[in-house]
Protein backbone atom coordinates (compact mmCIF):
# COMPACT_ATOMS: atom_id res chain seq x y z
CA MET A 1 -8.72 7.50 -53.77
CA ILE A 2 -9.93 10.73 -54.57
CA TYR A 3 -9.15 12.51 -57.88
CA LYS A 4 -9.09 15.76 -59.09
CA MET A 5 -9.57 16.39 -62.67
CA GLU A 6 -8.59 19.83 -64.07
CA TYR A 7 -10.34 21.19 -67.25
CA GLN A 8 -11.21 24.16 -69.33
CA LEU A 9 -14.49 24.87 -71.28
CA GLU A 10 -13.83 26.37 -74.67
CA ASP A 11 -15.58 29.33 -74.03
CA ASP A 12 -14.29 30.09 -70.33
CA PRO A 13 -10.80 30.65 -70.25
CA SER A 14 -10.50 29.79 -65.97
CA PRO A 15 -10.04 26.21 -64.88
CA HIS A 16 -12.83 24.19 -64.07
CA LYS A 17 -12.34 20.99 -61.29
CA ARG A 18 -14.44 17.91 -60.18
CA PHE A 19 -13.31 15.48 -57.99
CA TYR A 20 -14.55 11.82 -58.10
CA ASN A 21 -14.06 8.71 -55.65
CA ALA A 22 -12.13 5.98 -57.81
CA LEU A 23 -10.12 3.10 -57.30
CA THR A 24 -7.46 4.11 -59.95
CA SER A 25 -7.12 6.86 -62.50
CA ASP A 26 -7.92 5.15 -65.61
CA THR A 27 -11.44 4.76 -63.51
CA ALA A 28 -11.87 8.09 -62.48
CA LEU A 29 -10.82 9.34 -66.34
CA SER A 30 -13.70 7.08 -67.11
CA MET A 31 -16.30 8.68 -65.27
CA PHE A 32 -14.80 12.49 -66.15
CA GLU A 33 -15.20 11.52 -69.78
CA GLN A 34 -19.13 9.71 -69.20
CA THR A 35 -19.90 13.27 -67.49
CA CYS A 36 -18.55 14.79 -70.79
CA GLU A 37 -20.56 12.28 -72.67
CA GLU A 38 -23.65 11.67 -71.04
CA GLY A 39 -23.84 13.78 -67.71
CA SER A 40 -23.51 17.44 -67.02
CA LEU A 41 -20.74 18.60 -69.30
CA THR A 42 -22.52 16.98 -72.42
CA GLY A 43 -22.59 19.19 -75.47
CA LEU A 44 -19.71 21.28 -74.52
CA ASN A 45 -16.28 21.59 -75.60
CA VAL A 46 -14.25 20.17 -72.60
CA GLN A 47 -10.23 19.99 -72.35
CA LEU A 48 -8.99 18.19 -69.77
CA LEU A 49 -6.10 19.88 -68.54
CA SER A 50 -4.95 17.10 -65.49
CA VAL A 51 -5.66 14.38 -63.36
CA GLU A 52 -4.35 14.35 -59.42
CA MET A 53 -4.50 11.81 -57.20
CA LEU A 54 -5.18 13.72 -53.97
CA GLU A 55 -3.47 11.85 -50.75
CA ASP A 56 -4.92 14.43 -48.00
CA TYR A 57 -8.22 15.28 -49.09
CA HIS A 58 -10.36 16.97 -46.64
CA PRO A 59 -14.10 17.43 -48.11
CA SER A 60 -13.38 21.37 -46.15
CA GLN A 61 -10.87 21.61 -49.11
CA ASP A 62 -13.06 21.17 -51.55
CA ASP A 63 -14.19 24.94 -53.00
CA GLY A 64 -17.33 24.06 -53.89
CA ASN A 65 -16.99 22.43 -57.50
CA GLU A 66 -18.94 19.03 -58.07
CA ARG A 67 -17.83 15.77 -56.84
CA SER A 68 -18.37 12.40 -57.92
């Protein structure tokens, strides 16, 4: 399944998105948390806004944001 994580950075009012391939939303959330703790979002103040499972996701729908 593909999960879309929508989040906001403290210094940027616009929402950002990341996509994760995971079996469950808990796994996707854990992957996102690791990105915040040890990955490309390390040191940033990140507020998670939503987690959404995408039923009919196709890579062409990706708007250029990172996908894990």
